[in-house]
């Protein structure tokens, strides 16, 4: 923030507040991205991306969870296609994490992260602490709304040529 010769700020308090908000959203983006990368490696180490490792938690959610019956049908279908679904989950979690950390195409990536986390949250109803996934789910939605890739992200450079794009 620059000061004029009288020592007062040239930036309005609103502009300064926007910079602070951008920094806050960038920190959330980096945290959610790091969470996805961490979960990928944690699940990989536990063998949860193998067909047998994938089916176990899914069947647990179906048997013990309180998700709607229609959602349990979706879970059962994923379990019956575990070789493909497990790889899809691994690719989704790793790519979401990397793209969020880079701040690349942040808005659509954060939207996918929001939908993905919502699906996991619904799957786990009744089997875990309800806030465990709700907080990162809503944080991902905030990234969509707040254009979080425009601070400390690749989207900063993409927005220079097309600042009104919904992609960043």
C-alpha atoms as a PDB file:
ATOM      1  CA  UNK A   1       0.000   0.000   0.000  1.00  0.00           C
ATOM      2  CA  UNK A   2       1.501   3.298  -1.085  1.00  0.00           C
ATOM      3  CA  UNK A   3       1.303   6.543   0.857  1.00  0.00           C
ATOM      4  CA  UNK A   4       1.189  10.039  -0.613  1.00  0.00           C
ATOM      5  CA  UNK A   5       3.342  12.921   0.645  1.00  0.00           C
ATOM      6  CA  UNK A   6       0.924  13.577   3.500  1.00  0.00           C
ATOM      7  CA  UNK A   7       1.378  10.024   4.751  1.00  0.00           C
ATOM      8  CA  UNK A   8      -2.152   8.880   3.908  1.00  0.00           C
ATOM      9  CA  UNK A   9      -2.836   5.745   1.941  1.00  0.00           C
ATOM     10  CA  UNK A  10      -3.578   5.865  -1.793  1.00  0.00           C
ATOM     11  CA  UNK A  11      -5.545   2.617  -1.527  1.00  0.00           C
ATOM     12  CA  UNK A  12      -9.053   2.600  -0.223  1.00  0.00           C
ATOM     13  CA  UNK A  13      -9.866   0.459   2.798  1.00  0.00           C
ATOM     14  CA  UNK A  14     -12.097  -1.591   0.490  1.00  0.00           C
ATOM     15  CA  UNK A  15      -9.202  -2.385  -1.875  1.00  0.00           C
ATOM     16  CA  UNK A  16      -6.966  -3.283   1.068  1.00  0.00           C
ATOM     17  CA  UNK A  17      -9.724  -5.537   2.432  1.00  0.00           C
ATOM     18  CA  UNK A  18     -10.039  -7.234  -0.950  1.00  0.00           C
ATOM     19  CA  UNK A  19      -6.320  -8.022  -0.975  1.00  0.00           C
ATOM     20  CA  UNK A  20      -6.624  -9.566   2.474  1.00  0.00           C
ATOM     21  CA  UNK A  21      -9.647 -11.590   1.312  1.00  0.00           C
ATOM     22  CA  UNK A  22      -7.678 -12.820  -1.721  1.00  0.00           C
ATOM     23  CA  UNK A  23      -4.838 -13.923   0.537  1.00  0.00           C
ATOM     24  CA  UNK A  24      -7.304 -15.711   2.819  1.00  0.00           C
ATOM     25  CA  UNK A  25      -8.920 -17.545  -0.088  1.00  0.00           C
ATOM     26  CA  UNK A  26      -5.517 -18.457  -1.519  1.00  0.00           C
ATOM     27  CA  UNK A  27      -4.588 -19.971   1.842  1.00  0.00           C
ATOM     28  CA  UNK A  28      -7.816 -21.994   1.852  1.00  0.00           C
ATOM     29  CA  UNK A  29      -7.139 -23.090  -1.754  1.00  0.00           C
ATOM     30  CA  UNK A  30      -3.638 -24.244  -0.877  1.00  0.00           C
ATOM     31  CA  UNK A  31      -4.914 -26.056   2.219  1.00  0.00           C
ATOM     32  CA  UNK A  32      -7.713 -27.887   0.381  1.00  0.00           C
ATOM     33  CA  UNK A  33      -5.312 -28.749  -2.440  1.00  0.00           C
ATOM     34  CA  UNK A  34      -2.723 -30.077   0.001  1.00  0.00           C
ATOM     35  CA  UNK A  35      -5.474 -32.058   1.736  1.00  0.00           C
ATOM     36  CA  UNK A  36      -6.374 -33.799  -1.537  1.00  0.00           C
ATOM     37  CA  UNK A  37      -2.724 -34.628  -2.303  1.00  0.00           C
ATOM     38  CA  UNK A  38      -2.207 -35.896   1.264  1.00  0.00           C
ATOM     39  CA  UNK A  39      -5.355 -38.045   1.120  1.00  0.00           C
ATOM     40  CA  UNK A  40      -4.233 -39.495  -2.213  1.00  0.00           C
ATOM     41  CA  UNK A  41      -0.900 -40.657  -0.795  1.00  0.00           C
ATOM     42  CA  UNK A  42      -2.506 -41.816   2.459  1.00  0.00           C
ATOM     43  CA  UNK A  43      -5.115 -43.890   0.583  1.00  0.00           C
ATOM     44  CA  UNK A  44      -2.457 -45.198  -1.807  1.00  0.00           C
ATOM     45  CA  UNK A  45      -0.353 -46.353   1.151  1.00  0.00           C
ATOM     46  CA  UNK A  46      -3.366 -48.070   2.712  1.00  0.00           C
ATOM     47  CA  UNK A  47      -4.186 -49.876  -0.539  1.00  0.00           C
ATOM     48  CA  UNK A  48      -7.576 -48.153  -0.795  1.00  0.00           C
ATOM     49  CA  UNK A  49      -7.212 -47.615  -4.530  1.00  0.00           C
ATOM     50  CA  UNK A  50      -7.005 -51.345  -5.181  1.00  0.00           C
ATOM     51  CA  UNK A  51     -10.328 -53.047  -5.979  1.00  0.00           C
ATOM     52  CA  UNK A  52     -10.396 -54.943  -2.657  1.00  0.00           C
ATOM     53  CA  UNK A  53      -9.307 -51.891  -0.678  1.00  0.00           C
ATOM     54  CA  UNK A  54     -11.911 -49.730  -2.378  1.00  0.00           C
ATOM     55  CA  UNK A  55     -14.847 -52.086  -1.806  1.00  0.00           C
ATOM     56  CA  UNK A  56     -14.334 -52.346   1.980  1.00  0.00           C
ATOM     57  CA  UNK A  57     -15.176 -48.746   2.942  1.00  0.00           C
ATOM     58  CA  UNK A  58     -17.950 -48.561   0.327  1.00  0.00           C
ATOM     59  CA  UNK A  59     -19.652 -51.660   1.736  1.00  0.00           C
ATOM     60  CA  UNK A  60     -19.253 -50.240   5.239  1.00  0.00           C
ATOM     61  CA  UNK A  61     -21.014 -47.030   4.188  1.00  0.00           C
ATOM     62  CA  UNK A  62     -23.814 -49.034   2.559  1.00  0.00           C
ATOM     63  CA  UNK A  63     -24.319 -51.288   5.606  1.00  0.00           C
ATOM     64  CA  UNK A  64     -23.825 -48.787   8.430  1.00  0.00           C
ATOM     65  CA  UNK A  65     -24.390 -45.349   6.924  1.00  0.00           C
ATOM     66  CA  UNK A  66     -27.485 -43.191   6.880  1.00  0.00           C
ATOM     67  CA  UNK A  67     -27.193 -41.942   3.325  1.00  0.00           C
ATOM     68  CA  UNK A  68     -30.422 -41.931   1.299  1.00  0.00           C
ATOM     69  CA  UNK A  69     -31.309 -45.287  -0.284  1.00  0.00           C
ATOM     70  CA  UNK A  70     -30.834 -43.857  -3.784  1.00  0.00           C
ATOM     71  CA  UNK A  71     -27.278 -42.832  -2.875  1.00  0.00           C
ATOM     72  CA  UNK A  72     -26.566 -46.314  -1.516  1.00  0.00           C
ATOM     73  CA  UNK A  73     -27.526 -47.654  -4.952  1.00  0.00           C
ATOM     74  CA  UNK A  74     -24.879 -45.364  -6.465  1.00  0.00           C
ATOM     75  CA  UNK A  75     -22.345 -46.618  -3.902  1.00  0.00           C
ATOM     76  CA  UNK A  76     -23.212 -50.248  -4.701  1.00  0.00           C
ATOM     77  CA  UNK A  77     -22.704 -49.561  -8.396  1.00  0.00           C
ATOM     78  CA  UNK A  78     -19.296 -48.010  -7.662  1.00  0.00           C
ATOM     79  CA  UNK A  79     -18.367 -51.047  -5.558  1.00  0.00           C
ATOM     80  CA  UNK A  80     -19.423 -53.424  -8.333  1.00  0.00           C
ATOM     81  CA  UNK A  81     -17.074 -51.572 -10.688  1.00  0.00           C
ATOM     82  CA  UNK A  82     -14.253 -51.245  -8.145  1.00  0.00           C
ATOM     83  CA  UNK A  83     -11.320 -51.722 -10.562  1.00  0.00           C
ATOM     84  CA  UNK A  84     -12.409 -48.661 -12.541  1.00  0.00           C
ATOM     85  CA  UNK A  85     -13.976 -46.659  -9.697  1.00  0.00           C
ATOM     86  CA  UNK A  86     -10.904 -47.001  -7.476  1.00  0.00           C
ATOM     87  CA  UNK A  87      -8.638 -45.662 -10.226  1.00  0.00           C
ATOM     88  CA  UNK A  88     -11.096 -42.883 -10.978  1.00  0.00           C
ATOM     89  CA  UNK A  89     -11.130 -41.843  -7.329  1.00  0.00           C
ATOM     90  CA  UNK A  90      -7.326 -41.878  -7.183  1.00  0.00           C
ATOM     91  CA  UNK A  91      -7.034 -39.768 -10.343  1.00  0.00           C
ATOM     92  CA  UNK A  92      -9.725 -37.372  -9.147  1.00  0.00           C
ATOM     93  CA  UNK A  93      -8.179 -36.778  -5.733  1.00  0.00           C
ATOM     94  CA  UNK A  94      -4.643 -36.331  -7.040  1.00  0.00           C
ATOM     95  CA  UNK A  95      -5.617 -34.059  -9.945  1.00  0.00           C
ATOM     96  CA  UNK A  96      -7.887 -31.904  -7.774  1.00  0.00           C
ATOM     97  CA  UNK A  97      -5.073 -31.478  -5.278  1.00  0.00           C
ATOM     98  CA  UNK A  98      -2.429 -30.575  -7.820  1.00  0.00           C
ATOM     99  CA  UNK A  99      -4.655 -28.148  -9.732  1.00  0.00           C
ATOM    100  CA  UNK A 100      -5.778 -26.404  -6.536  1.00  0.00           C
ATOM    101  CA  UNK A 101      -2.207 -26.056  -5.265  1.00  0.00           C
ATOM    102  CA  UNK A 102      -1.181 -24.603  -8.627  1.00  0.00           C
ATOM    103  CA  UNK A 103      -4.226 -22.342  -8.748  1.00  0.00           C
ATOM    104  CA  UNK A 104      -4.949 -23.514 -12.294  1.00  0.00           C
ATOM    105  CA  UNK A 105      -8.554 -23.383 -13.557  1.00  0.00           C
ATOM    106  CA  UNK A 106      -9.477 -22.899  -9.940  1.00  0.00           C
ATOM    107  CA  UNK A 107     -13.180 -22.198 -10.289  1.00  0.00           C
ATOM    108  CA  UNK A 108     -14.173 -25.339 -12.259  1.00  0.00           C
ATOM    109  CA  UNK A 109     -11.711 -27.451 -10.257  1.00  0.00           C
ATOM    110  CA  UNK A 110     -13.121 -26.123  -6.986  1.00  0.00           C
ATOM    111  CA  UNK A 111     -16.635 -26.853  -8.268  1.00  0.00           C
ATOM    112  CA  UNK A 112     -15.641 -30.462  -8.969  1.00  0.00           C
ATOM    113  CA  UNK A 113     -14.003 -30.598  -5.518  1.00  0.00           C
ATOM    114  CA  UNK A 114     -17.230 -29.296  -3.966  1.00  0.00           C
ATOM    115  CA  UNK A 115     -19.315 -31.966  -5.732  1.00  0.00           C
ATOM    116  CA  UNK A 116     -16.747 -34.668  -4.918  1.00  0.00           C
ATOM    117  CA  UNK A 117     -16.551 -33.738  -1.239  1.00  0.00           C
ATOM    118  CA  UNK A 118     -20.342 -33.492  -1.057  1.00  0.00           C
ATOM    119  CA  UNK A 119     -20.629 -37.038  -2.405  1.00  0.00           C
ATOM    120  CA  UNK A 120     -18.117 -38.292   0.168  1.00  0.00           C
ATOM    121  CA  UNK A 121     -19.905 -36.368   2.926  1.00  0.00           C
ATOM    122  CA  UNK A 122     -23.277 -37.922   2.032  1.00  0.00           C
ATOM    123  CA  UNK A 123     -21.642 -41.365   1.786  1.00  0.00           C
ATOM    124  CA  UNK A 124     -20.300 -41.054   5.320  1.00  0.00           C
ATOM    125  CA  UNK A 125     -23.542 -39.881   6.989  1.00  0.00           C
ATOM    126  CA  UNK A 126     -23.943 -41.811  10.213  1.00  0.00           C
ATOM    127  CA  UNK A 127     -20.453 -43.330  10.089  1.00  0.00           C
ATOM    128  CA  UNK A 128     -18.260 -40.385  11.056  1.00  0.00           C
ATOM    129  CA  UNK A 129     -18.330 -36.922  12.570  1.00  0.00           C
ATOM    130  CA  UNK A 130     -20.646 -34.838  10.387  1.00  0.00           C
ATOM    131  CA  UNK A 131     -18.335 -31.796  10.341  1.00  0.00           C
ATOM    132  CA  UNK A 132     -15.303 -33.789   9.178  1.00  0.00           C
ATOM    133  CA  UNK A 133     -16.097 -33.326   5.491  1.00  0.00           C
ATOM    134  CA  UNK A 134     -18.670 -30.544   5.706  1.00  0.00           C
ATOM    135  CA  UNK A 135     -16.062 -27.875   6.457  1.00  0.00           C
ATOM    136  CA  UNK A 136     -13.782 -28.646   3.462  1.00  0.00           C
ATOM    137  CA  UNK A 137     -16.885 -29.106   1.296  1.00  0.00           C
ATOM    138  CA  UNK A 138     -18.075 -25.581   2.044  1.00  0.00           C
ATOM    139  CA  UNK A 139     -14.526 -24.243   1.766  1.00  0.00           C
ATOM    140  CA  UNK A 140     -14.379 -25.671  -1.774  1.00  0.00           C
ATOM    141  CA  UNK A 141     -17.616 -23.843  -2.579  1.00  0.00           C
ATOM    142  CA  UNK A 142     -16.075 -20.607  -1.278  1.00  0.00           C
ATOM    143  CA  UNK A 143     -13.176 -21.138  -3.702  1.00  0.00           C
ATOM    144  CA  UNK A 144     -15.632 -21.275  -6.602  1.00  0.00           C
ATOM    145  CA  UNK A 145     -17.305 -18.045  -5.540  1.00  0.00           C
ATOM    146  CA  UNK A 146     -14.148 -16.160  -4.567  1.00  0.00           C
ATOM    147  CA  UNK A 147     -11.908 -16.775  -7.600  1.00  0.00           C
ATOM    148  CA  UNK A 148      -9.188 -18.088  -5.340  1.00  0.00           C
ATOM    149  CA  UNK A 149      -6.719 -18.847  -8.129  1.00  0.00           C
ATOM    150  CA  UNK A 150      -6.105 -15.173  -8.817  1.00  0.00           C
ATOM    151  CA  UNK A 151      -3.771 -14.871  -5.844  1.00  0.00           C
ATOM    152  CA  UNK A 152      -0.602 -16.986  -5.784  1.00  0.00           C
ATOM    153  CA  UNK A 153      -1.893 -19.123  -8.654  1.00  0.00           C
ATOM    154  CA  UNK A 154      -1.473 -19.709 -12.379  1.00  0.00           C
ATOM    155  CA  UNK A 155      -4.926 -18.191 -12.848  1.00  0.00           C
ATOM    156  CA  UNK A 156      -3.356 -14.797 -12.070  1.00  0.00           C
ATOM    157  CA  UNK A 157      -1.575 -14.909 -15.426  1.00  0.00           C
ATOM    158  CA  UNK A 158      -4.544 -16.353 -17.311  1.00  0.00           C
ATOM    159  CA  UNK A 159      -6.830 -13.601 -15.968  1.00  0.00           C
ATOM    160  CA  UNK A 160      -4.610 -10.885 -17.454  1.00  0.00           C
ATOM    161  CA  UNK A 161      -5.790 -11.753 -20.975  1.00  0.00           C
ATOM    162  CA  UNK A 162      -9.366 -12.633 -20.070  1.00  0.00           C
ATOM    163  CA  UNK A 163     -10.300 -11.182 -16.669  1.00  0.00           C
ATOM    164  CA  UNK A 164     -14.016 -11.994 -16.994  1.00  0.00           C
ATOM    165  CA  UNK A 165     -13.578 -15.709 -17.603  1.00  0.00           C
ATOM    166  CA  UNK A 166     -15.510 -18.057 -15.341  1.00  0.00           C
ATOM    167  CA  UNK A 167     -12.575 -20.485 -15.431  1.00  0.00           C
ATOM    168  CA  UNK A 168     -10.363 -18.459 -13.085  1.00  0.00           C
END
